Amino acid sequence: MLDEPVELTVESGRLVAATGAIGARLLETLAAGDGENVAELGVGTNGLARASGYVLEDEKMLGSVHVAFGSSASFGGTVQASVHIDCVVLKPDLALDGEPVTTGGRLLVAS
């Protein structure tokens, strides 16, 4: 878990900017593995999942959002990259096509 937030900028399905030292490290790692593409976007719907630092549980927490970059071929996608990195947001504001999905980590749609 990070001490400070990192703002990610995605354009045309690719990560193009990230703030701070951790963001720079993320960009560098993804670029080295040809993995700047968005591989997945998920919204957590499990009310029993808790923040543990274990991404497979963290990304399922009710109201969380995760975005992953890099390879997607192992789960039905078409991109084969040498990297796959998940980023979990615990209290996100997410809108899709202008419709809010989460606000401050509160899920706004029925699961």
PDB file of N, CA and C in Angstrom:
ATOM      1  N   MET A   1       0.838  -1.173   0.000  1.00  0.00           N
ATOM      2  CA  MET A   1       0.000   0.000   0.000  1.00  0.00           C
ATOM      3  C   MET A   1       0.888   1.243   0.000  1.00  0.00           C
ATOM      4  N   LEU A   2       0.438   2.246  -0.705  1.00  0.00           N
ATOM      5  CA  LEU A   2       1.245   3.447  -0.878  1.00  0.00           C
ATOM      6  C   LEU A   2       0.964   4.485   0.201  1.00  0.00           C
ATOM      7  N   ASP A   3       1.979   5.269   0.500  1.00  0.00           N
ATOM      8  CA  ASP A   3       1.829   6.356   1.467  1.00  0.00           C
ATOM      9  C   ASP A   3       1.162   7.577   0.857  1.00  0.00           C
ATOM     10  N   GLU A   4       1.284   7.737  -0.462  1.00  0.00           N
ATOM     11  CA  GLU A   4       0.675   8.871  -1.133  1.00  0.00           C
ATOM     12  C   GLU A   4       0.011   8.393  -2.418  1.00  0.00           C
ATOM     13  N   PRO A   5      -1.054   9.077  -2.843  1.00  0.00           N
ATOM     14  CA  PRO A   5      -1.754   8.649  -4.055  1.00  0.00           C
ATOM     15  C   PRO A   5      -0.928   8.874  -5.302  1.00  0.00           C
ATOM     16  N   VAL A   6      -1.211   8.071  -6.310  1.00  0.00           N
ATOM     17  CA  VAL A   6      -0.598   8.210  -7.629  1.00  0.00           C
ATOM     18  C   VAL A   6      -1.726   8.446  -8.618  1.00  0.00           C
ATOM     19  N   GLU A   7      -1.636   9.513  -9.371  1.00  0.00           N
ATOM     20  CA  GLU A   7      -2.641   9.798 -10.387  1.00  0.00           C
ATOM     21  C   GLU A   7      -2.184   9.204 -11.708  1.00  0.00           C
ATOM     22  N   LEU A   8      -3.045   8.388 -12.304  1.00  0.00           N
ATOM     23  CA  LEU A   8      -2.741   7.733 -13.572  1.00  0.00           C
ATOM     24  C   LEU A   8      -3.547   8.388 -14.676  1.00  0.00           C
ATOM     25  N   THR A   9      -2.906   8.633 -15.817  1.00  0.00           N
ATOM     26  CA  THR A   9      -3.579   9.199 -16.976  1.00  0.00           C
ATOM     27  C   THR A   9      -3.569   8.175 -18.099  1.00  0.00           C
ATOM     28  N   VAL A  10      -4.779   7.787 -18.539  1.00  0.00           N
ATOM     29  CA  VAL A  10      -4.934   6.813 -19.609  1.00  0.00           C
ATOM     30  C   VAL A  10      -5.553   7.513 -20.804  1.00  0.00           C
ATOM     31  N   GLU A  11      -4.952   7.308 -21.978  1.00  0.00           N
ATOM     32  CA  GLU A  11      -5.480   7.852 -23.228  1.00  0.00           C
ATOM     33  C   GLU A  11      -5.483   6.748 -24.264  1.00  0.00           C
ATOM     34  N   SER A  12      -6.595   6.596 -24.932  1.00  0.00           N
ATOM     35  CA  SER A  12      -6.727   5.576 -25.982  1.00  0.00           C
ATOM     36  C   SER A  12      -6.300   4.197 -25.503  1.00  0.00           C
ATOM     37  N   GLY A  13      -6.655   3.886 -24.264  1.00  0.00           N
ATOM     38  CA  GLY A  13      -6.396   2.554 -23.733  1.00  0.00           C
ATOM     39  C   GLY A  13      -4.967   2.287 -23.282  1.00  0.00           C
ATOM     40  N   ARG A  14      -4.161   3.352 -23.159  1.00  0.00           N
ATOM     41  CA  ARG A  14      -2.764   3.178 -22.742  1.00  0.00           C
ATOM     42  C   ARG A  14      -2.421   4.160 -21.630  1.00  0.00           C
ATOM     43  N   LEU A  15      -1.625   3.715 -20.682  1.00  0.00           N
ATOM     44  CA  LEU A  15      -1.137   4.584 -19.626  1.00  0.00           C
ATOM     45  C   LEU A  15      -0.088   5.514 -20.222  1.00  0.00           C
ATOM     46  N   VAL A  16      -0.333   6.824 -20.100  1.00  0.00           N
ATOM     47  CA  VAL A  16       0.586   7.790 -20.708  1.00  0.00           C
ATOM     48  C   VAL A  16       1.293   8.661 -19.676  1.00  0.00           C
ATOM     49  N   ALA A  17       0.776   8.697 -18.437  1.00  0.00           N
ATOM     50  CA  ALA A  17       1.417   9.498 -17.398  1.00  0.00           C
ATOM     51  C   ALA A  17       1.021   8.958 -16.030  1.00  0.00           C
ATOM     52  N   ALA A  18       1.917   9.171 -15.066  1.00  0.00           N
ATOM     53  CA  ALA A  18       1.656   8.791 -13.671  1.00  0.00           C
ATOM     54  C   ALA A  18       2.485   9.704 -12.786  1.00  0.00           C
ATOM     55  N   THR A  19       1.907  10.147 -11.675  1.00  0.00           N
ATOM     56  CA  THR A  19       2.567  11.129 -10.823  1.00  0.00           C
ATOM     57  C   THR A  19       3.480  10.494  -9.790  1.00  0.00           C
ATOM     58  N   GLY A  20       4.459  11.285  -9.345  1.00  0.00           N
ATOM     59  CA  GLY A  20       5.338  10.904  -8.251  1.00  0.00           C
ATOM     60  C   GLY A  20       6.372   9.855  -8.625  1.00  0.00           C
ATOM     61  N   ALA A  21       7.206   9.536  -7.636  1.00  0.00           N
ATOM     62  CA  ALA A  21       8.290   8.567  -7.840  1.00  0.00           C
ATOM     63  C   ALA A  21       7.737   7.168  -8.134  1.00  0.00           C
ATOM     64  N   ILE A  22       6.673   6.785  -7.434  1.00  0.00           N
ATOM     65  CA  ILE A  22       6.071   5.468  -7.678  1.00  0.00           C
ATOM     66  C   ILE A  22       5.474   5.427  -9.077  1.00  0.00           C
ATOM     67  N   GLY A  23       4.840   6.514  -9.499  1.00  0.00           N
ATOM     68  CA  GLY A  23       4.285   6.587 -10.845  1.00  0.00           C
ATOM     69  C   GLY A  23       5.351   6.457 -11.911  1.00  0.00           C
ATOM     70  N   ALA A  24       6.484   7.114 -11.699  1.00  0.00           N
ATOM     71  CA  ALA A  24       7.597   7.015 -12.649  1.00  0.00           C
ATOM     72  C   ALA A  24       8.115   5.584 -12.724  1.00  0.00           C
ATOM     73  N   ARG A  25       8.208   4.943 -11.559  1.00  0.00           N
ATOM     74  CA  ARG A  25       8.665   3.540 -11.519  1.00  0.00           C
ATOM     75  C   ARG A  25       7.668   2.623 -12.240  1.00  0.00           C
ATOM     76  N   LEU A  26       6.376   2.865 -12.056  1.00  0.00           N
ATOM     77  CA  LEU A  26       5.348   2.082 -12.739  1.00  0.00           C
ATOM     78  C   LEU A  26       5.483   2.242 -14.247  1.00  0.00           C
ATOM     79  N   LEU A  27       5.586   3.492 -14.722  1.00  0.00           N
ATOM     80  CA  LEU A  27       5.730   3.748 -16.155  1.00  0.00           C
ATOM     81  C   LEU A  27       6.973   3.070 -16.726  1.00  0.00           C
ATOM     82  N   GLU A  28       8.069   3.156 -16.003  1.00  0.00           N
ATOM     83  CA  GLU A  28       9.324   2.550 -16.450  1.00  0.00           C
ATOM     84  C   GLU A  28       9.188   1.032 -16.549  1.00  0.00           C
ATOM     85  N   THR A  29       8.585   0.420 -15.543  1.00  0.00           N
ATOM     86  CA  THR A  29       8.408  -1.034 -15.523  1.00  0.00           C
ATOM     87  C   THR A  29       7.500  -1.489 -16.657  1.00  0.00           C
ATOM     88  N   LEU A  30       6.397  -0.785 -16.848  1.00  0.00           N
ATOM     89  CA  LEU A  30       5.469  -1.150 -17.916  1.00  0.00           C
ATOM     90  C   LEU A  30       6.093  -0.969 -19.294  1.00  0.00           C
ATOM     91  N   ALA A  31       6.818   0.131 -19.495  1.00  0.00           N
ATOM     92  CA  ALA A  31       7.450   0.392 -20.789  1.00  0.00           C
ATOM     93  C   ALA A  31       8.487  -0.682 -21.122  1.00  0.00           C
ATOM     94  N   ALA A  32       9.235  -1.129 -20.118  1.00  0.00           N
ATOM     95  CA  ALA A  32      10.256  -2.164 -20.345  1.00  0.00           C
ATOM     96  C   ALA A  32       9.634  -3.483 -20.773  1.00  0.00           C
ATOM     97  N   GLY A  33       8.383  -3.717 -20.357  1.00  0.00           N
ATOM     98  CA  GLY A  33       7.709  -4.968 -20.706  1.00  0.00           C
ATOM     99  C   GLY A  33       6.647  -4.803 -21.769  1.00  0.00           C
ATOM    100  N   ASP A  34       6.633  -3.645 -22.479  1.00  0.00           N
ATOM    101  CA  ASP A  34       5.639  -3.334 -23.498  1.00  0.00           C
ATOM    102  C   ASP A  34       4.230  -3.541 -22.945  1.00  0.00           C
ATOM    103  N   GLY A  35       3.991  -2.989 -21.744  1.00  0.00           N
ATOM    104  CA  GLY A  35       2.734  -3.253 -21.055  1.00  0.00           C
ATOM    105  C   GLY A  35       1.948  -2.032 -20.644  1.00  0.00           C
ATOM    106  N   GLU A  36       2.014  -0.940 -21.398  1.00  0.00           N
ATOM    107  CA  GLU A  36       1.292   0.274 -21.020  1.00  0.00           C
ATOM    108  C   GLU A  36      -0.209   0.189 -21.280  1.00  0.00           C
ATOM    109  N   ASN A  37      -0.662  -0.849 -21.988  1.00  0.00           N
ATOM    110  CA  ASN A  37      -2.083  -0.979 -22.318  1.00  0.00           C
ATOM    111  C   ASN A  37      -2.916  -1.346 -21.094  1.00  0.00           C
ATOM    112  N   VAL A  38      -4.182  -0.930 -21.098  1.00  0.00           N
ATOM    113  CA  VAL A  38      -5.109  -1.334 -20.040  1.00  0.00           C
ATOM    114  C   VAL A  38      -5.515  -2.774 -20.323  1.00  0.00           C
ATOM    115  N   ALA A  39      -5.225  -3.660 -19.379  1.00  0.00           N
ATOM    116  CA  ALA A  39      -5.540  -5.074 -19.539  1.00  0.00           C
ATOM    117  C   ALA A  39      -6.885  -5.435 -18.912  1.00  0.00           C
ATOM    118  N   GLU A  40      -7.255  -4.732 -17.842  1.00  0.00           N
ATOM    119  CA  GLU A  40      -8.529  -5.011 -17.183  1.00  0.00           C
ATOM    120  C   GLU A  40      -8.955  -3.822 -16.329  1.00  0.00           C
ATOM    121  N   LEU A  41     -10.255  -3.744 -16.114  1.00  0.00           N
ATOM    122  CA  LEU A  41     -10.847  -2.768 -15.211  1.00  0.00           C
ATOM    123  C   LEU A  41     -11.911  -3.522 -14.434  1.00  0.00           C
ATOM    124  N   GLY A  42     -11.858  -3.430 -13.116  1.00  0.00           N
ATOM    125  CA  GLY A  42     -12.821  -4.157 -12.298  1.00  0.00           C
ATOM    126  C   GLY A  42     -13.336  -3.308 -11.160  1.00  0.00           C
ATOM    127  N   VAL A  43     -14.554  -3.620 -10.730  1.00  0.00           N
ATOM    128  CA  VAL A  43     -15.178  -2.959  -9.592  1.00  0.00           C
ATOM    129  C   VAL A  43     -15.462  -4.026  -8.547  1.00  0.00           C
ATOM    130  N   GLY A  44     -14.984  -3.799  -7.327  1.00  0.00           N
ATOM    131  CA  GLY A  44     -15.178  -4.762  -6.249  1.00  0.00           C
ATOM    132  C   GLY A  44     -16.614  -4.812  -5.771  1.00  0.00           C
ATOM    133  N   THR A  45     -17.127  -6.025  -5.579  1.00  0.00           N
ATOM    134  CA  THR A  45     -18.507  -6.208  -5.128  1.00  0.00           C
ATOM    135  C   THR A  45     -18.613  -7.121  -3.913  1.00  0.00           C
ATOM    136  N   ASN A  46     -17.476  -7.514  -3.330  1.00  0.00           N
ATOM    137  CA  ASN A  46     -17.481  -8.447  -2.202  1.00  0.00           C
ATOM    138  C   ASN A  46     -17.439  -7.675  -0.881  1.00  0.00           C
ATOM    139  N   GLY A  47     -18.543  -7.673  -0.166  1.00  0.00           N
ATOM    140  CA  GLY A  47     -18.635  -6.962   1.104  1.00  0.00           C
ATOM    141  C   GLY A  47     -17.834  -7.591   2.225  1.00  0.00           C
ATOM    142  N   LEU A  48     -17.332  -8.811   2.039  1.00  0.00           N
ATOM    143  CA  LEU A  48     -16.538  -9.477   3.076  1.00  0.00           C
ATOM    144  C   LEU A  48     -15.035  -9.317   2.856  1.00  0.00           C
ATOM    145  N   ALA A  49     -14.618  -8.914   1.651  1.00  0.00           N
ATOM    146  CA  ALA A  49     -13.192  -8.737   1.365  1.00  0.00           C
ATOM    147  C   ALA A  49     -12.666  -7.518   2.131  1.00  0.00           C
ATOM    148  N   ARG A  50     -11.427  -7.586   2.584  1.00  0.00           N
ATOM    149  CA  ARG A  50     -10.794  -6.508   3.355  1.00  0.00           C
ATOM    150  C   ARG A  50      -9.431  -6.166   2.761  1.00  0.00           C
ATOM    151  N   ALA A  51      -8.974  -4.932   2.965  1.00  0.00           N
ATOM    152  CA  ALA A  51      -7.648  -4.515   2.515  1.00  0.00           C
ATOM    153  C   ALA A  51      -6.600  -5.268   3.310  1.00  0.00           C
ATOM    154  N   SER A  52      -5.833  -6.079   2.609  1.00  0.00           N
ATOM    155  CA  SER A  52      -4.843  -6.920   3.264  1.00  0.00           C
ATOM    156  C   SER A  52      -3.447  -6.745   2.680  1.00  0.00           C
ATOM    157  N   GLY A  53      -3.360  -6.026   1.545  1.00  0.00           N
ATOM    158  CA  GLY A  53      -2.097  -5.945   0.832  1.00  0.00           C
ATOM    159  C   GLY A  53      -1.932  -7.099  -0.145  1.00  0.00           C
ATOM    160  N   TYR A  54      -2.886  -8.010  -0.167  1.00  0.00           N
ATOM    161  CA  TYR A  54      -2.898  -9.137  -1.097  1.00  0.00           C
ATOM    162  C   TYR A  54      -3.868  -8.765  -2.209  1.00  0.00           C
ATOM    163  N   VAL A  55      -3.345  -8.443  -3.394  1.00  0.00           N
ATOM    164  CA  VAL A  55      -4.131  -7.826  -4.453  1.00  0.00           C
ATOM    165  C   VAL A  55      -5.346  -8.661  -4.855  1.00  0.00           C
ATOM    166  N   LEU A  56      -5.263  -9.972  -4.793  1.00  0.00           N
ATOM    167  CA  LEU A  56      -6.395 -10.797  -5.197  1.00  0.00           C
ATOM    168  C   LEU A  56      -7.597 -10.637  -4.269  1.00  0.00           C
ATOM    169  N   GLU A  57      -7.378 -10.232  -3.024  1.00  0.00           N
ATOM    170  CA  GLU A  57      -8.494  -9.904  -2.143  1.00  0.00           C
ATOM    171  C   GLU A  57      -8.817  -8.417  -2.234  1.00  0.00           C
ATOM    172  N   ASP A  58      -7.800  -7.577  -2.212  1.00  0.00           N
ATOM    173  CA  ASP A  58      -8.010  -6.127  -2.223  1.00  0.00           C
ATOM    174  C   ASP A  58      -8.874  -5.683  -3.401  1.00  0.00           C
ATOM    175  N   GLU A  59      -8.644  -6.256  -4.581  1.00  0.00           N
ATOM    176  CA  GLU A  59      -9.361  -5.819  -5.780  1.00  0.00           C
ATOM    177  C   GLU A  59     -10.837  -6.222  -5.773  1.00  0.00           C
ATOM    178  N   LYS A  60     -11.238  -7.038  -4.838  1.00  0.00           N
ATOM    179  CA  LYS A  60     -12.625  -7.485  -4.750  1.00  0.00           C
ATOM    180  C   LYS A  60     -13.437  -6.752  -3.680  1.00  0.00           C
ATOM    181  N   MET A  61     -12.775  -5.893  -2.882  1.00  0.00           N
ATOM    182  CA  MET A  61     -13.466  -5.173  -1.801  1.00  0.00           C
ATOM    183  C   MET A  61     -14.608  -4.332  -2.352  1.00  0.00           C
ATOM    184  N   LEU A  62     -15.731  -4.370  -1.678  1.00  0.00           N
ATOM    185  CA  LEU A  62     -16.915  -3.635  -2.093  1.00  0.00           C
ATOM    186  C   LEU A  62     -16.584  -2.162  -2.317  1.00  0.00           C
ATOM    187  N   GLY A  63     -16.857  -1.678  -3.524  1.00  0.00           N
ATOM    188  CA  GLY A  63     -16.647  -0.277  -3.859  1.00  0.00           C
ATOM    189  C   GLY A  63     -15.258   0.076  -4.346  1.00  0.00           C
ATOM    190  N   SER A  64     -14.319  -0.859  -4.254  1.00  0.00           N
ATOM    191  CA  SER A  64     -12.976  -0.585  -4.772  1.00  0.00           C
ATOM    192  C   SER A  64     -12.999  -0.678  -6.295  1.00  0.00           C
ATOM    193  N   VAL A  65     -11.969  -0.152  -6.908  1.00  0.00           N
ATOM    194  CA  VAL A  65     -11.783  -0.268  -8.350  1.00  0.00           C
ATOM    195  C   VAL A  65     -10.356  -0.702  -8.580  1.00  0.00           C
ATOM    196  N   HIS A  66     -10.165  -1.585  -9.548  1.00  0.00           N
ATOM    197  CA  HIS A  66      -8.788  -1.890  -9.917  1.00  0.00           C
ATOM    198  C   HIS A  66      -8.637  -1.810 -11.426  1.00  0.00           C
ATOM    199  N   VAL A  67      -7.467  -1.358 -11.812  1.00  0.00           N
ATOM    200  CA  VAL A  67      -7.100  -1.306 -13.220  1.00  0.00           C
ATOM    201  C   VAL A  67      -5.754  -2.005 -13.330  1.00  0.00           C
ATOM    202  N   ALA A  68      -5.634  -2.844 -14.347  1.00  0.00           N
ATOM    203  CA  ALA A  68      -4.384  -3.563 -14.552  1.00  0.00           C
ATOM    204  C   ALA A  68      -3.827  -3.204 -15.924  1.00  0.00           C
ATOM    205  N   PHE A  69      -2.523  -3.226 -16.002  1.00  0.00           N
ATOM    206  CA  PHE A  69      -1.821  -2.897 -17.240  1.00  0.00           C
ATOM    207  C   PHE A  69      -0.953  -4.082 -17.645  1.00  0.00           C
ATOM    208  N   GLY A  70      -0.776  -4.250 -18.962  1.00  0.00           N
ATOM    209  CA  GLY A  70       0.119  -5.282 -19.462  1.00  0.00           C
ATOM    210  C   GLY A  70      -0.624  -6.433 -20.102  1.00  0.00           C
ATOM    211  N   SER A  71      -0.132  -7.632 -19.863  1.00  0.00           N
ATOM    212  CA  SER A  71      -0.647  -8.832 -20.495  1.00  0.00           C
ATOM    213  C   SER A  71      -2.091  -9.109 -20.113  1.00  0.00           C
ATOM    214  N   SER A  72      -2.889  -9.519 -21.105  1.00  0.00           N
ATOM    215  CA  SER A  72      -4.273  -9.938 -20.858  1.00  0.00           C
ATOM    216  C   SER A  72      -4.549 -11.311 -21.471  1.00  0.00           C
ATOM    217  N   ALA A  73      -3.576 -11.870 -22.157  1.00  0.00           N
ATOM    218  CA  ALA A  73      -3.766 -13.129 -22.885  1.00  0.00           C
ATOM    219  C   ALA A  73      -4.098 -14.308 -21.976  1.00  0.00           C
ATOM    220  N   SER A  74      -3.629 -14.292 -20.747  1.00  0.00           N
ATOM    221  CA  SER A  74      -3.847 -15.440 -19.863  1.00  0.00           C
ATOM    222  C   SER A  74      -5.289 -15.540 -19.368  1.00  0.00           C
ATOM    223  N   PHE A  75      -6.101 -14.494 -19.581  1.00  0.00           N
ATOM    224  CA  PHE A  75      -7.496 -14.553 -19.146  1.00  0.00           C
ATOM    225  C   PHE A  75      -8.454 -14.092 -20.246  1.00  0.00           C
ATOM    226  N   GLY A  76      -8.114 -14.407 -21.494  1.00  0.00           N
ATOM    227  CA  GLY A  76      -9.040 -14.181 -22.603  1.00  0.00           C
ATOM    228  C   GLY A  76      -8.767 -12.969 -23.465  1.00  0.00           C
ATOM    229  N   GLY A  77      -7.815 -12.135 -23.085  1.00  0.00           N
ATOM    230  CA  GLY A  77      -7.476 -10.969 -23.897  1.00  0.00           C
ATOM    231  C   GLY A  77      -6.541 -11.329 -25.037  1.00  0.00           C
ATOM    232  N   THR A  78      -6.057 -10.334 -25.726  1.00  0.00           N
ATOM    233  CA  THR A  78      -5.203 -10.574 -26.892  1.00  0.00           C
ATOM    234  C   THR A  78      -3.780 -10.055 -26.723  1.00  0.00           C
ATOM    235  N   VAL A  79      -3.512  -9.323 -25.653  1.00  0.00           N
ATOM    236  CA  VAL A  79      -2.186  -8.723 -25.480  1.00  0.00           C
ATOM    237  C   VAL A  79      -1.269  -9.661 -24.704  1.00  0.00           C
ATOM    238  N   GLN A  80      -0.106  -9.920 -25.298  1.00  0.00           N
ATOM    239  CA  GLN A  80       0.918 -10.694 -24.609  1.00  0.00           C
ATOM    240  C   GLN A  80       2.085  -9.755 -24.317  1.00  0.00           C
ATOM    241  N   ALA A  81       2.256  -9.437 -23.068  1.00  0.00           N
ATOM    242  CA  ALA A  81       3.347  -8.571 -22.630  1.00  0.00           C
ATOM    243  C   ALA A  81       4.121  -9.335 -21.567  1.00  0.00           C
ATOM    244  N   SER A  82       5.295  -8.871 -21.260  1.00  0.00           N
ATOM    245  CA  SER A  82       6.107  -9.559 -20.248  1.00  0.00           C
ATOM    246  C   SER A  82       5.809  -9.053 -18.842  1.00  0.00           C
ATOM    247  N   VAL A  83       4.731  -8.269 -18.692  1.00  0.00           N
ATOM    248  CA  VAL A  83       4.386  -7.688 -17.397  1.00  0.00           C
ATOM    249  C   VAL A  83       2.867  -7.618 -17.257  1.00  0.00           C
ATOM    250  N   HIS A  84       2.390  -7.701 -16.022  1.00  0.00           N
ATOM    251  CA  HIS A  84       0.975  -7.475 -15.682  1.00  0.00           C
ATOM    252  C   HIS A  84       0.965  -6.898 -14.273  1.00  0.00           C
ATOM    253  N   ILE A  85       0.502  -5.669 -14.147  1.00  0.00           N
ATOM    254  CA  ILE A  85       0.505  -4.988 -12.852  1.00  0.00           C
ATOM    255  C   ILE A  85      -0.897  -4.482 -12.551  1.00  0.00           C
ATOM    256  N   ASP A  86      -1.425  -4.864 -11.381  1.00  0.00           N
ATOM    257  CA  ASP A  86      -2.731  -4.410 -10.915  1.00  0.00           C
ATOM    258  C   ASP A  86      -2.550  -3.203  -9.997  1.00  0.00           C
ATOM    259  N   CYS A  87      -3.437  -2.229 -10.141  1.00  0.00           N
ATOM    260  CA  CYS A  87      -3.471  -1.057  -9.275  1.00  0.00           C
ATOM    261  C   CYS A  87      -4.859  -1.000  -8.650  1.00  0.00           C
ATOM    262  N   VAL A  88      -4.933  -0.979  -7.322  1.00  0.00           N
ATOM    263  CA  VAL A  88      -6.208  -0.992  -6.615  1.00  0.00           C
ATOM    264  C   VAL A  88      -6.450   0.379  -5.986  1.00  0.00           C
ATOM    265  N   VAL A  89      -7.662   0.903  -6.178  1.00  0.00           N
ATOM    266  CA  VAL A  89      -8.064   2.177  -5.588  1.00  0.00           C
ATOM    267  C   VAL A  89      -9.139   1.864  -4.552  1.00  0.00           C
ATOM    268  N   LEU A  90      -8.902   2.274  -3.305  1.00  0.00           N
ATOM    269  CA  LEU A  90      -9.796   1.892  -2.223  1.00  0.00           C
ATOM    270  C   LEU A  90     -11.031   2.765  -2.094  1.00  0.00           C
ATOM    271  N   LYS A  91     -10.945   4.052  -2.404  1.00  0.00           N
ATOM    272  CA  LYS A  91     -12.100   4.959  -2.300  1.00  0.00           C
ATOM    273  C   LYS A  91     -12.238   5.745  -3.597  1.00  0.00           C
ATOM    274  N   PRO A  92     -12.547   5.030  -4.686  1.00  0.00           N
ATOM    275  CA  PRO A  92     -12.525   5.676  -6.001  1.00  0.00           C
ATOM    276  C   PRO A  92     -13.813   6.406  -6.347  1.00  0.00           C
ATOM    277  N   ASP A  93     -13.662   7.325  -7.278  1.00  0.00           N
ATOM    278  CA  ASP A  93     -14.774   7.904  -8.014  1.00  0.00           C
ATOM    279  C   ASP A  93     -14.612   7.375  -9.434  1.00  0.00           C
ATOM    280  N   LEU A  94     -15.582   6.592  -9.894  1.00  0.00           N
ATOM    281  CA  LEU A  94     -15.512   6.001 -11.232  1.00  0.00           C
ATOM    282  C   LEU A  94     -16.818   6.249 -11.958  1.00  0.00           C
ATOM    283  N   ALA A  95     -16.699   6.761 -13.186  1.00  0.00           N
ATOM    284  CA  ALA A  95     -17.864   6.927 -14.055  1.00  0.00           C
ATOM    285  C   ALA A  95     -17.538   6.260 -15.389  1.00  0.00           C
ATOM    286  N   LEU A  96     -18.520   5.607 -15.956  1.00  0.00           N
ATOM    287  CA  LEU A  96     -18.387   4.995 -17.276  1.00  0.00           C
ATOM    288  C   LEU A  96     -19.438   5.591 -18.189  1.00  0.00           C
ATOM    289  N   ASP A  97     -18.990   6.107 -19.317  1.00  0.00           N
ATOM    290  CA  ASP A  97     -19.889   6.793 -20.250  1.00  0.00           C
ATOM    291  C   ASP A  97     -20.703   7.872 -19.542  1.00  0.00           C
ATOM    292  N   GLY A  98     -20.075   8.569 -18.594  1.00  0.00           N
ATOM    293  CA  GLY A  98     -20.720   9.656 -17.883  1.00  0.00           C
ATOM    294  C   GLY A  98     -21.629   9.240 -16.738  1.00  0.00           C
ATOM    295  N   GLU A  99     -21.802   7.944 -16.540  1.00  0.00           N
ATOM    296  CA  GLU A  99     -22.664   7.447 -15.463  1.00  0.00           C
ATOM    297  C   GLU A  99     -21.814   7.017 -14.279  1.00  0.00           C
ATOM    298  N   PRO A 100     -22.063   7.571 -13.092  1.00  0.00           N
ATOM    299  CA  PRO A 100     -21.258   7.189 -11.923  1.00  0.00           C
ATOM    300  C   PRO A 100     -21.478   5.729 -11.528  1.00  0.00           C
ATOM    301  N   VAL A 101     -20.382   5.060 -11.221  1.00  0.00           N
ATOM    302  CA  VAL A 101     -20.408   3.670 -10.762  1.00  0.00           C
ATOM    303  C   VAL A 101     -20.046   3.606  -9.287  1.00  0.00           C
ATOM    304  N   THR A 102     -19.026   4.365  -8.895  1.00  0.00           N
ATOM    305  CA  THR A 102     -18.649   4.480  -7.485  1.00  0.00           C
ATOM    306  C   THR A 102     -18.386   5.948  -7.182  1.00  0.00           C
ATOM    307  N   THR A 103     -18.651   6.333  -5.952  1.00  0.00           N
ATOM    308  CA  THR A 103     -18.314   7.667  -5.450  1.00  0.00           C
ATOM    309  C   THR A 103     -17.712   7.491  -4.076  1.00  0.00           C
ATOM    310  N   GLY A 104     -16.455   7.893  -3.928  1.00  0.00           N
ATOM    311  CA  GLY A 104     -15.770   7.770  -2.645  1.00  0.00           C
ATOM    312  C   GLY A 104     -15.733   6.340  -2.127  1.00  0.00           C
ATOM    313  N   GLY A 105     -15.758   5.387  -3.036  1.00  0.00           N
ATOM    314  CA  GLY A 105     -15.733   3.983  -2.637  1.00  0.00           C
ATOM    315  C   GLY A 105     -17.099   3.381  -2.375  1.00  0.00           C
ATOM    316  N   ARG A 106     -18.146   4.157  -2.548  1.00  0.00           N
ATOM    317  CA  ARG A 106     -19.497   3.636  -2.368  1.00  0.00           C
ATOM    318  C   ARG A 106     -20.033   3.183  -3.722  1.00  0.00           C
ATOM    319  N   LEU A 107     -20.390   1.909  -3.824  1.00  0.00           N
ATOM    320  CA  LEU A 107     -20.913   1.340  -5.061  1.00  0.00           C
ATOM    321  C   LEU A 107     -22.316   1.884  -5.296  1.00  0.00           C
ATOM    322  N   LEU A 108     -22.563   2.425  -6.495  1.00  0.00           N
ATOM    323  CA  LEU A 108     -23.831   3.078  -6.804  1.00  0.00           C
ATOM    324  C   LEU A 108     -24.753   2.228  -7.667  1.00  0.00           C
ATOM    325  N   VAL A 109     -24.252   1.098  -8.150  1.00  0.00           N
ATOM    326  CA  VAL A 109     -25.071   0.208  -8.977  1.00  0.00           C
ATOM    327  C   VAL A 109     -25.284  -1.090  -8.240  1.00  0.00           C
ATOM    328  N   ALA A 110     -26.360  -1.785  -8.544  1.00  0.00           N
ATOM    329  CA  ALA A 110     -26.653  -3.072  -7.894  1.00  0.00           C
ATOM    330  C   ALA A 110     -25.640  -4.113  -8.336  1.00  0.00           C
ATOM    331  N   SER A 111     -25.161  -4.895  -7.408  1.00  0.00           N
ATOM    332  CA  SER A 111     -24.209  -5.945  -7.746  1.00  0.00           C
ATOM    333  C   SER A 111     -24.921  -7.253  -7.974  1.00  0.00           C
TER     334      SER A 111
END
